[in-house]
Amino acid sequence: MSETIAPTFPATEDLFRSDAYRVEGDAQVLAVVETEKGAEILLDRTLFYPNGGGQPGDTGVIVSPSGTEIRVLDTRKGAAAGTIVHLTEALPALAVGDNVQMRLDWPRRHRLMRMHTCLHLLSSVIPAGVTGGQVGEDKGRLDFDIGELVLDRDAIETQLNALIAGDHAVGQRWISDAELDANPGLVKTMSVQPPRGAGQVRLIDIPGVDLQPCGGTHVARTGEIGPVRIEKIENKGKRNRRVVLAFIEA
């Protein structure tokens, strides 16, 4: 989280939330601050997803008014509530008020979207609480509190690929904080709770398959994920198992 940009800016308009497939867009510079490792850029709106919920922050470029491409190495949540900052390796020649163009590293983002949606499917295949997880470009993993449940690697892989091949629609909808509180079973993650206080919570809905709170980016249909394999199931304690999966083409 940024500690260098003063917490007085308005929330960043998160364009990725309404359209995860948008790869280019315009924005205005609100702040540029030099840091020990480079600089942070705050824009009024962004296509870049900030690191969170197990999904890495997006990368890409911001193009200055002069046409200079500024590499975005990472994207993170800012110090001010709702703000998103873009990390660069050097202080860019930008000024407050400049109009810039954003270009997302789409191949990387799409792989993260595919993996994130796949992990939602995995959580529907294994009926246990999720204690942790990580979304990667080629691999992903979820940790489960399985209790007395015995995990069958081949059976999980078969069920998971069947859901992928079923090409189910992936959508989103919103519910109030009160509705979520009245339906605690929607929350599968035991260690991380969805943010409350904004009045509404975003749900990722795969009808007939999975429904759970999530702020990440996802594909539109499960068929986009492509075939996957369960690489391993690791013992992480008496009740905890880590299930690691990977894209077959990786």
C-alpha atoms as a PDB file:
ATOM      1  CA  MET A   1       0.000   0.000   0.000  1.00  0.00           C
ATOM      2  CA  SER A   2       1.289   3.426  -0.908  1.00  0.00           C
ATOM      3  CA  GLU A   3       2.423   5.684   1.922  1.00  0.00           C
ATOM      4  CA  THR A   4       3.761   8.466  -0.265  1.00  0.00           C
ATOM      5  CA  ILE A   5       0.675   9.895  -1.978  1.00  0.00           C
ATOM      6  CA  ALA A   6      -1.358  11.895   0.520  1.00  0.00           C
ATOM      7  CA  PRO A   7      -4.704  10.331   1.442  1.00  0.00           C
ATOM      8  CA  THR A   8      -6.771  13.239   0.088  1.00  0.00           C
ATOM      9  CA  PHE A   9      -7.571  12.073  -3.438  1.00  0.00           C
ATOM     10  CA  PRO A  10     -10.903  10.748  -4.707  1.00  0.00           C
ATOM     11  CA  ALA A  11     -11.368   7.049  -5.407  1.00  0.00           C
ATOM     12  CA  THR A  12      -9.930   5.856  -8.711  1.00  0.00           C
ATOM     13  CA  GLU A  13     -12.531   4.867 -11.308  1.00  0.00           C
ATOM     14  CA  ASP A  14     -11.826   1.155 -11.773  1.00  0.00           C
ATOM     15  CA  LEU A  15     -12.564   0.485 -15.451  1.00  0.00           C
ATOM     16  CA  PHE A  16     -11.494  -3.164 -15.131  1.00  0.00           C
ATOM     17  CA  ARG A  17     -14.469  -3.829 -12.867  1.00  0.00           C
ATOM     18  CA  SER A  18     -17.084  -3.118 -15.531  1.00  0.00           C
ATOM     19  CA  ASP A  19     -15.066  -4.428 -18.503  1.00  0.00           C
ATOM     20  CA  ALA A  20     -12.197  -6.824 -17.825  1.00  0.00           C
ATOM     21  CA  TYR A  21     -11.519  -7.092 -21.572  1.00  0.00           C
ATOM     22  CA  ARG A  22     -10.725  -3.428 -22.156  1.00  0.00           C
ATOM     23  CA  VAL A  23      -7.027  -3.078 -23.004  1.00  0.00           C
ATOM     24  CA  GLU A  24      -6.599   0.623 -23.809  1.00  0.00           C
ATOM     25  CA  GLY A  25      -8.009   3.829 -22.399  1.00  0.00           C
ATOM     26  CA  ASP A  26      -7.392   7.465 -21.532  1.00  0.00           C
ATOM     27  CA  ALA A  27      -6.879   8.972 -18.088  1.00  0.00           C
ATOM     28  CA  GLN A  28      -5.685  12.118 -16.360  1.00  0.00           C
ATOM     29  CA  VAL A  29      -2.723  12.362 -14.000  1.00  0.00           C
ATOM     30  CA  LEU A  30      -3.654  13.334 -10.424  1.00  0.00           C
ATOM     31  CA  ALA A  31      -0.260  12.851  -8.769  1.00  0.00           C
ATOM     32  CA  VAL A  32       3.290  11.637  -9.441  1.00  0.00           C
ATOM     33  CA  VAL A  33       5.548  10.886  -6.481  1.00  0.00           C
ATOM     34  CA  GLU A  34       9.154   9.701  -6.464  1.00  0.00           C
ATOM     35  CA  THR A  35       9.898   6.708  -4.244  1.00  0.00           C
ATOM     36  CA  GLU A  36      13.041   4.813  -3.256  1.00  0.00           C
ATOM     37  CA  LYS A  37      12.416   2.259  -5.999  1.00  0.00           C
ATOM     38  CA  GLY A  38      11.020   4.533  -8.722  1.00  0.00           C
ATOM     39  CA  ALA A  39       7.745   6.398  -8.725  1.00  0.00           C
ATOM     40  CA  GLU A  40       4.015   6.077  -8.140  1.00  0.00           C
ATOM     41  CA  ILE A  41       1.466   7.485 -10.573  1.00  0.00           C
ATOM     42  CA  LEU A  42      -2.104   8.189  -9.521  1.00  0.00           C
ATOM     43  CA  LEU A  43      -4.681   8.544 -12.297  1.00  0.00           C
ATOM     44  CA  ASP A  44      -8.340   9.514 -12.148  1.00  0.00           C
ATOM     45  CA  ARG A  45      -9.279   6.180 -13.760  1.00  0.00           C
ATOM     46  CA  THR A  46      -7.457   2.971 -14.584  1.00  0.00           C
ATOM     47  CA  LEU A  47      -7.561  -0.282 -16.537  1.00  0.00           C
ATOM     48  CA  PHE A  48      -4.943  -1.804 -14.228  1.00  0.00           C
ATOM     49  CA  TYR A  49      -6.066  -4.212 -11.516  1.00  0.00           C
ATOM     50  CA  PRO A  50      -4.290  -3.641  -8.159  1.00  0.00           C
ATOM     51  CA  ASN A  51      -2.668  -6.537  -6.325  1.00  0.00           C
ATOM     52  CA  GLY A  52      -5.207  -8.140  -4.005  1.00  0.00           C
ATOM     53  CA  GLY A  53      -7.300 -11.201  -3.293  1.00  0.00           C
ATOM     54  CA  GLY A  54      -4.472 -13.471  -4.417  1.00  0.00           C
ATOM     55  CA  GLN A  55      -4.346 -11.880  -7.886  1.00  0.00           C
ATOM     56  CA  PRO A  56      -1.168  -9.963  -8.866  1.00  0.00           C
ATOM     57  CA  GLY A  57      -1.315  -6.343  -9.940  1.00  0.00           C
ATOM     58  CA  ASP A  58      -1.425  -5.595 -13.655  1.00  0.00           C
ATOM     59  CA  THR A  59       1.490  -4.406 -15.780  1.00  0.00           C
ATOM     60  CA  GLY A  60       1.658  -2.487 -19.047  1.00  0.00           C
ATOM     61  CA  VAL A  61       2.482   1.058 -20.127  1.00  0.00           C
ATOM     62  CA  ILE A  62       1.257   4.595 -19.610  1.00  0.00           C
ATOM     63  CA  VAL A  63       1.883   6.802 -22.645  1.00  0.00           C
ATOM     64  CA  SER A  64       2.732  10.447 -21.893  1.00  0.00           C
ATOM     65  CA  PRO A  65       1.448  13.410 -23.989  1.00  0.00           C
ATOM     66  CA  SER A  66       4.806  13.421 -25.798  1.00  0.00           C
ATOM     67  CA  GLY A  67       4.438   9.747 -26.749  1.00  0.00           C
ATOM     68  CA  THR A  68       6.921   8.357 -24.220  1.00  0.00           C
ATOM     69  CA  GLU A  69       5.998   4.903 -22.952  1.00  0.00           C
ATOM     70  CA  ILE A  70       6.273   4.600 -19.171  1.00  0.00           C
ATOM     71  CA  ARG A  71       6.433   0.979 -17.999  1.00  0.00           C
ATOM     72  CA  VAL A  72       4.032   0.040 -15.221  1.00  0.00           C
ATOM     73  CA  LEU A  73       5.827  -2.632 -13.198  1.00  0.00           C
ATOM     74  CA  ASP A  74       3.041  -3.249 -10.688  1.00  0.00           C
ATOM     75  CA  THR A  75      -0.309  -1.851  -9.594  1.00  0.00           C
ATOM     76  CA  ARG A  76      -1.376  -1.564  -5.968  1.00  0.00           C
ATOM     77  CA  LYS A  77      -4.028  -0.054  -3.727  1.00  0.00           C
ATOM     78  CA  GLY A  78      -3.173   3.458  -2.572  1.00  0.00           C
ATOM     79  CA  ALA A  79      -3.214   4.979   0.890  1.00  0.00           C
ATOM     80  CA  ALA A  80      -6.426   6.891   0.250  1.00  0.00           C
ATOM     81  CA  ALA A  81      -9.531   4.708   0.298  1.00  0.00           C
ATOM     82  CA  GLY A  82     -10.408   3.452  -3.180  1.00  0.00           C
ATOM     83  CA  THR A  83      -7.298   4.819  -4.891  1.00  0.00           C
ATOM     84  CA  ILE A  84      -5.007   2.782  -7.154  1.00  0.00           C
ATOM     85  CA  VAL A  85      -1.349   3.596  -7.804  1.00  0.00           C
ATOM     86  CA  HIS A  86       0.855   2.512 -10.714  1.00  0.00           C
ATOM     87  CA  LEU A  87       4.488   1.709  -9.896  1.00  0.00           C
ATOM     88  CA  THR A  88       7.293   2.620 -12.316  1.00  0.00           C
ATOM     89  CA  GLU A  89      11.053   2.078 -12.210  1.00  0.00           C
ATOM     90  CA  ALA A  90      11.970   5.773 -12.582  1.00  0.00           C
ATOM     91  CA  LEU A  91      10.376   9.179 -12.069  1.00  0.00           C
ATOM     92  CA  PRO A  92       8.469   9.852 -15.316  1.00  0.00           C
ATOM     93  CA  ALA A  93       8.219  13.200 -17.103  1.00  0.00           C
ATOM     94  CA  LEU A  94       4.575  13.713 -16.224  1.00  0.00           C
ATOM     95  CA  ALA A  95       2.722  16.627 -14.656  1.00  0.00           C
ATOM     96  CA  VAL A  96      -0.525  16.813 -12.770  1.00  0.00           C
ATOM     97  CA  GLY A  97      -3.316  17.363 -15.286  1.00  0.00           C
ATOM     98  CA  ASP A  98      -1.577  15.554 -18.162  1.00  0.00           C
ATOM     99  CA  ASN A  99      -3.847  13.399 -20.293  1.00  0.00           C
ATOM    100  CA  VAL A 100      -2.280   9.987 -20.858  1.00  0.00           C
ATOM    101  CA  GLN A 101      -3.102   6.712 -22.551  1.00  0.00           C
ATOM    102  CA  MET A 102      -3.064   3.359 -20.756  1.00  0.00           C
ATOM    103  CA  ARG A 103      -2.118   0.128 -22.500  1.00  0.00           C
ATOM    104  CA  LEU A 104      -2.562  -3.075 -20.570  1.00  0.00           C
ATOM    105  CA  ASP A 105      -0.273  -6.100 -20.890  1.00  0.00           C
ATOM    106  CA  TRP A 106      -3.227  -8.090 -22.160  1.00  0.00           C
ATOM    107  CA  PRO A 107      -1.675 -11.554 -22.659  1.00  0.00           C
ATOM    108  CA  ARG A 108      -0.561 -11.570 -18.998  1.00  0.00           C
ATOM    109  CA  ARG A 109      -3.891 -10.215 -17.725  1.00  0.00           C
ATOM    110  CA  HIS A 110      -5.892 -12.765 -19.732  1.00  0.00           C
ATOM    111  CA  ARG A 111      -3.890 -15.645 -18.290  1.00  0.00           C
ATOM    112  CA  LEU A 112      -4.529 -14.300 -14.783  1.00  0.00           C
ATOM    113  CA  MET A 113      -8.238 -13.997 -15.581  1.00  0.00           C
ATOM    114  CA  ARG A 114      -8.349 -17.578 -16.833  1.00  0.00           C
ATOM    115  CA  MET A 115      -6.551 -18.856 -13.741  1.00  0.00           C
ATOM    116  CA  HIS A 116      -8.654 -16.840 -11.314  1.00  0.00           C
ATOM    117  CA  THR A 117     -11.889 -18.176 -12.771  1.00  0.00           C
ATOM    118  CA  CYS A 118     -10.436 -21.692 -12.736  1.00  0.00           C
ATOM    119  CA  LEU A 119      -9.746 -21.390  -9.002  1.00  0.00           C
ATOM    120  CA  HIS A 120     -13.385 -20.461  -8.454  1.00  0.00           C
ATOM    121  CA  LEU A 121     -14.316 -23.681 -10.233  1.00  0.00           C
ATOM    122  CA  LEU A 122     -11.849 -25.610  -8.079  1.00  0.00           C
ATOM    123  CA  SER A 123     -13.505 -24.229  -4.938  1.00  0.00           C
ATOM    124  CA  SER A 124     -16.841 -25.540  -6.215  1.00  0.00           C
ATOM    125  CA  VAL A 125     -15.400 -29.023  -6.843  1.00  0.00           C
ATOM    126  CA  ILE A 126     -13.870 -29.336  -3.352  1.00  0.00           C
ATOM    127  CA  PRO A 127     -16.526 -28.795  -0.645  1.00  0.00           C
ATOM    128  CA  ALA A 128     -14.269 -27.312   2.014  1.00  0.00           C
ATOM    129  CA  GLY A 129     -13.342 -23.900   3.383  1.00  0.00           C
ATOM    130  CA  VAL A 130     -10.553 -22.025   1.591  1.00  0.00           C
ATOM    131  CA  THR A 131      -7.705 -20.924   3.851  1.00  0.00           C
ATOM    132  CA  GLY A 132      -5.489 -19.300   1.223  1.00  0.00           C
ATOM    133  CA  GLY A 133      -4.753 -19.010  -2.466  1.00  0.00           C
ATOM    134  CA  GLN A 134      -2.638 -17.486  -5.202  1.00  0.00           C
ATOM    135  CA  VAL A 135      -3.389 -16.653  -8.841  1.00  0.00           C
ATOM    136  CA  GLY A 136      -0.443 -17.044 -11.237  1.00  0.00           C
ATOM    137  CA  GLU A 137       0.056 -16.729 -14.979  1.00  0.00           C
ATOM    138  CA  ASP A 138       0.719 -20.450 -15.471  1.00  0.00           C
ATOM    139  CA  LYS A 139      -0.116 -22.001 -12.102  1.00  0.00           C
ATOM    140  CA  GLY A 140      -2.518 -21.340  -9.263  1.00  0.00           C
ATOM    141  CA  ARG A 141      -3.314 -22.863  -5.920  1.00  0.00           C
ATOM    142  CA  LEU A 142      -5.926 -22.991  -3.197  1.00  0.00           C
ATOM    143  CA  ASP A 143      -5.468 -24.196   0.369  1.00  0.00           C
ATOM    144  CA  PHE A 144      -8.386 -26.070   1.930  1.00  0.00           C
ATOM    145  CA  ASP A 145      -9.410 -26.921   5.476  1.00  0.00           C
ATOM    146  CA  ILE A 146     -10.600 -30.407   4.532  1.00  0.00           C
ATOM    147  CA  GLY A 147     -11.381 -31.904   7.946  1.00  0.00           C
ATOM    148  CA  GLU A 148     -12.071 -35.595   7.340  1.00  0.00           C
ATOM    149  CA  LEU A 149     -12.463 -35.157   3.572  1.00  0.00           C
ATOM    150  CA  VAL A 150     -10.162 -37.281   1.380  1.00  0.00           C
ATOM    151  CA  LEU A 151      -9.049 -35.628  -1.865  1.00  0.00           C
ATOM    152  CA  ASP A 152      -8.836 -37.708  -5.032  1.00  0.00           C
ATOM    153  CA  ARG A 153      -6.468 -35.960  -7.449  1.00  0.00           C
ATOM    154  CA  ASP A 154      -7.752 -37.684 -10.615  1.00  0.00           C
ATOM    155  CA  ALA A 155     -11.400 -37.160  -9.699  1.00  0.00           C
ATOM    156  CA  ILE A 156     -10.827 -33.461  -8.982  1.00  0.00           C
ATOM    157  CA  GLU A 157      -9.026 -32.981 -12.304  1.00  0.00           C
ATOM    158  CA  THR A 158     -11.806 -34.747 -14.211  1.00  0.00           C
ATOM    159  CA  GLN A 159     -14.571 -32.696 -12.573  1.00  0.00           C
ATOM    160  CA  LEU A 160     -12.655 -29.455 -13.042  1.00  0.00           C
ATOM    161  CA  ASN A 161     -12.043 -30.012 -16.747  1.00  0.00           C
ATOM    162  CA  ALA A 162     -15.677 -31.004 -17.229  1.00  0.00           C
ATOM    163  CA  LEU A 163     -16.780 -27.654 -15.791  1.00  0.00           C
ATOM    164  CA  ILE A 164     -14.302 -25.853 -18.043  1.00  0.00           C
ATOM    165  CA  ALA A 165     -15.473 -27.732 -21.140  1.00  0.00           C
ATOM    166  CA  GLY A 166     -19.083 -26.979 -20.184  1.00  0.00           C
ATOM    167  CA  ASP A 167     -18.405 -23.377 -21.253  1.00  0.00           C
ATOM    168  CA  HIS A 168     -20.535 -21.903 -18.476  1.00  0.00           C
ATOM    169  CA  ALA A 169     -21.230 -18.173 -18.491  1.00  0.00           C
ATOM    170  CA  VAL A 170     -19.374 -16.118 -15.871  1.00  0.00           C
ATOM    171  CA  GLY A 171     -21.142 -12.980 -14.709  1.00  0.00           C
ATOM    172  CA  GLN A 172     -21.266 -10.557 -11.835  1.00  0.00           C
ATOM    173  CA  ARG A 173     -23.916  -9.027  -9.639  1.00  0.00           C
ATOM    174  CA  TRP A 174     -24.039  -6.977  -6.501  1.00  0.00           C
ATOM    175  CA  ILE A 175     -25.671  -7.499  -3.126  1.00  0.00           C
ATOM    176  CA  SER A 176     -25.863  -5.318  -0.044  1.00  0.00           C
ATOM    177  CA  ASP A 177     -23.700  -5.810   3.022  1.00  0.00           C
ATOM    178  CA  ALA A 178     -26.815  -6.874   4.881  1.00  0.00           C
ATOM    179  CA  GLU A 179     -27.656  -9.502   2.262  1.00  0.00           C
ATOM    180  CA  LEU A 180     -24.142 -10.929   2.534  1.00  0.00           C
ATOM    181  CA  ASP A 181     -24.374 -11.016   6.321  1.00  0.00           C
ATOM    182  CA  ALA A 182     -27.642 -12.930   5.949  1.00  0.00           C
ATOM    183  CA  ASN A 183     -25.963 -15.456   3.621  1.00  0.00           C
ATOM    184  CA  PRO A 184     -22.588 -16.252   5.252  1.00  0.00           C
ATOM    185  CA  GLY A 185     -22.269 -19.443   3.197  1.00  0.00           C
ATOM    186  CA  LEU A 186     -21.400 -17.313   0.151  1.00  0.00           C
ATOM    187  CA  VAL A 187     -18.003 -16.565   1.707  1.00  0.00           C
ATOM    188  CA  LYS A 188     -15.676 -19.511   1.070  1.00  0.00           C
ATOM    189  CA  THR A 189     -12.445 -17.864   2.170  1.00  0.00           C
ATOM    190  CA  MET A 190     -11.844 -18.451   5.862  1.00  0.00           C
ATOM    191  CA  SER A 191      -8.831 -16.159   6.295  1.00  0.00           C
ATOM    192  CA  VAL A 192      -9.959 -13.170   4.206  1.00  0.00           C
ATOM    193  CA  GLN A 193     -13.392 -11.583   4.363  1.00  0.00           C
ATOM    194  CA  PRO A 194     -14.832  -9.493   1.520  1.00  0.00           C
ATOM    195  CA  PRO A 195     -14.690  -5.740   2.167  1.00  0.00           C
ATOM    196  CA  ARG A 196     -17.767  -4.255   3.777  1.00  0.00           C
ATOM    197  CA  GLY A 197     -18.721  -0.665   4.429  1.00  0.00           C
ATOM    198  CA  ALA A 198     -19.267   0.517   0.848  1.00  0.00           C
ATOM    199  CA  GLY A 199     -22.880  -0.619   0.985  1.00  0.00           C
ATOM    200  CA  GLN A 200     -22.572  -3.352  -1.625  1.00  0.00           C
ATOM    201  CA  VAL A 201     -20.464  -6.411  -2.367  1.00  0.00           C
ATOM    202  CA  ARG A 202     -19.621  -7.813  -5.807  1.00  0.00           C
ATOM    203  CA  LEU A 203     -20.391 -11.459  -6.490  1.00  0.00           C
ATOM    204  CA  ILE A 204     -18.926 -13.564  -9.289  1.00  0.00           C
ATOM    205  CA  ASP A 205     -21.755 -15.760 -10.529  1.00  0.00           C
ATOM    206  CA  ILE A 206     -21.291 -18.955 -12.539  1.00  0.00           C
ATOM    207  CA  PRO A 207     -24.945 -20.059 -12.623  1.00  0.00           C
ATOM    208  CA  GLY A 208     -25.477 -23.535 -11.291  1.00  0.00           C
ATOM    209  CA  VAL A 209     -21.781 -23.887 -10.476  1.00  0.00           C
ATOM    210  CA  ASP A 210     -20.446 -21.222  -8.118  1.00  0.00           C
ATOM    211  CA  LEU A 211     -21.385 -17.940  -6.476  1.00  0.00           C
ATOM    212  CA  GLN A 212     -19.025 -16.035  -4.186  1.00  0.00           C
ATOM    213  CA  PRO A 213     -17.753 -12.524  -3.374  1.00  0.00           C
ATOM    214  CA  CYS A 214     -14.710 -11.488  -5.427  1.00  0.00           C
ATOM    215  CA  GLY A 215     -13.110  -8.267  -6.616  1.00  0.00           C
ATOM    216  CA  GLY A 216     -10.823  -9.829  -9.241  1.00  0.00           C
ATOM    217  CA  THR A 217     -10.996 -10.017 -13.030  1.00  0.00           C
ATOM    218  CA  HIS A 218     -12.534 -13.043 -14.733  1.00  0.00           C
ATOM    219  CA  VAL A 219     -13.186 -14.520 -18.170  1.00  0.00           C
ATOM    220  CA  ALA A 220     -16.679 -14.349 -19.659  1.00  0.00           C
ATOM    221  CA  ARG A 221     -17.069 -18.112 -20.094  1.00  0.00           C
ATOM    222  CA  THR A 222     -15.340 -21.084 -18.497  1.00  0.00           C
ATOM    223  CA  GLY A 223     -14.381 -22.468 -21.912  1.00  0.00           C
ATOM    224  CA  GLU A 224     -11.777 -19.698 -22.211  1.00  0.00           C
ATOM    225  CA  ILE A 225      -9.761 -21.286 -19.403  1.00  0.00           C
ATOM    226  CA  GLY A 226      -8.653 -24.281 -21.440  1.00  0.00           C
ATOM    227  CA  PRO A 227      -7.624 -27.706 -20.092  1.00  0.00           C
ATOM    228  CA  VAL A 228      -5.764 -27.837 -16.783  1.00  0.00           C
ATOM    229  CA  ARG A 229      -4.000 -30.466 -14.719  1.00  0.00           C
ATOM    230  CA  ILE A 230      -3.727 -30.930 -10.974  1.00  0.00           C
ATOM    231  CA  GLU A 231       0.030 -30.839 -10.435  1.00  0.00           C
ATOM    232  CA  LYS A 232       0.027 -31.892  -6.803  1.00  0.00           C
ATOM    233  CA  ILE A 233      -1.858 -31.974  -3.534  1.00  0.00           C
ATOM    234  CA  GLU A 234       0.376 -31.008  -0.628  1.00  0.00           C
ATOM    235  CA  ASN A 235      -0.117 -31.758   3.050  1.00  0.00           C
ATOM    236  CA  LYS A 236       0.045 -28.456   4.931  1.00  0.00           C
ATOM    237  CA  GLY A 237      -1.040 -29.734   8.322  1.00  0.00           C
ATOM    238  CA  LYS A 238      -3.512 -32.088   9.937  1.00  0.00           C
ATOM    239  CA  ARG A 239      -6.515 -30.496   8.239  1.00  0.00           C
ATOM    240  CA  ASN A 240      -4.969 -28.386   5.468  1.00  0.00           C
ATOM    241  CA  ARG A 241      -4.247 -29.435   1.912  1.00  0.00           C
ATOM    242  CA  ARG A 242      -2.798 -27.300  -0.891  1.00  0.00           C
ATOM    243  CA  VAL A 243      -4.085 -28.062  -4.386  1.00  0.00           C
ATOM    244  CA  VAL A 244      -1.825 -26.766  -7.157  1.00  0.00           C
ATOM    245  CA  LEU A 245      -3.022 -26.650 -10.765  1.00  0.00           C
ATOM    246  CA  ALA A 246      -1.537 -25.518 -14.072  1.00  0.00           C
ATOM    247  CA  PHE A 247      -2.584 -24.851 -17.628  1.00  0.00           C
ATOM    248  CA  ILE A 248      -1.792 -27.853 -19.783  1.00  0.00           C
ATOM    249  CA  GLU A 249      -0.234 -25.714 -22.534  1.00  0.00           C
ATOM    250  CA  ALA A 250       2.147 -24.044 -20.022  1.00  0.00           C
END
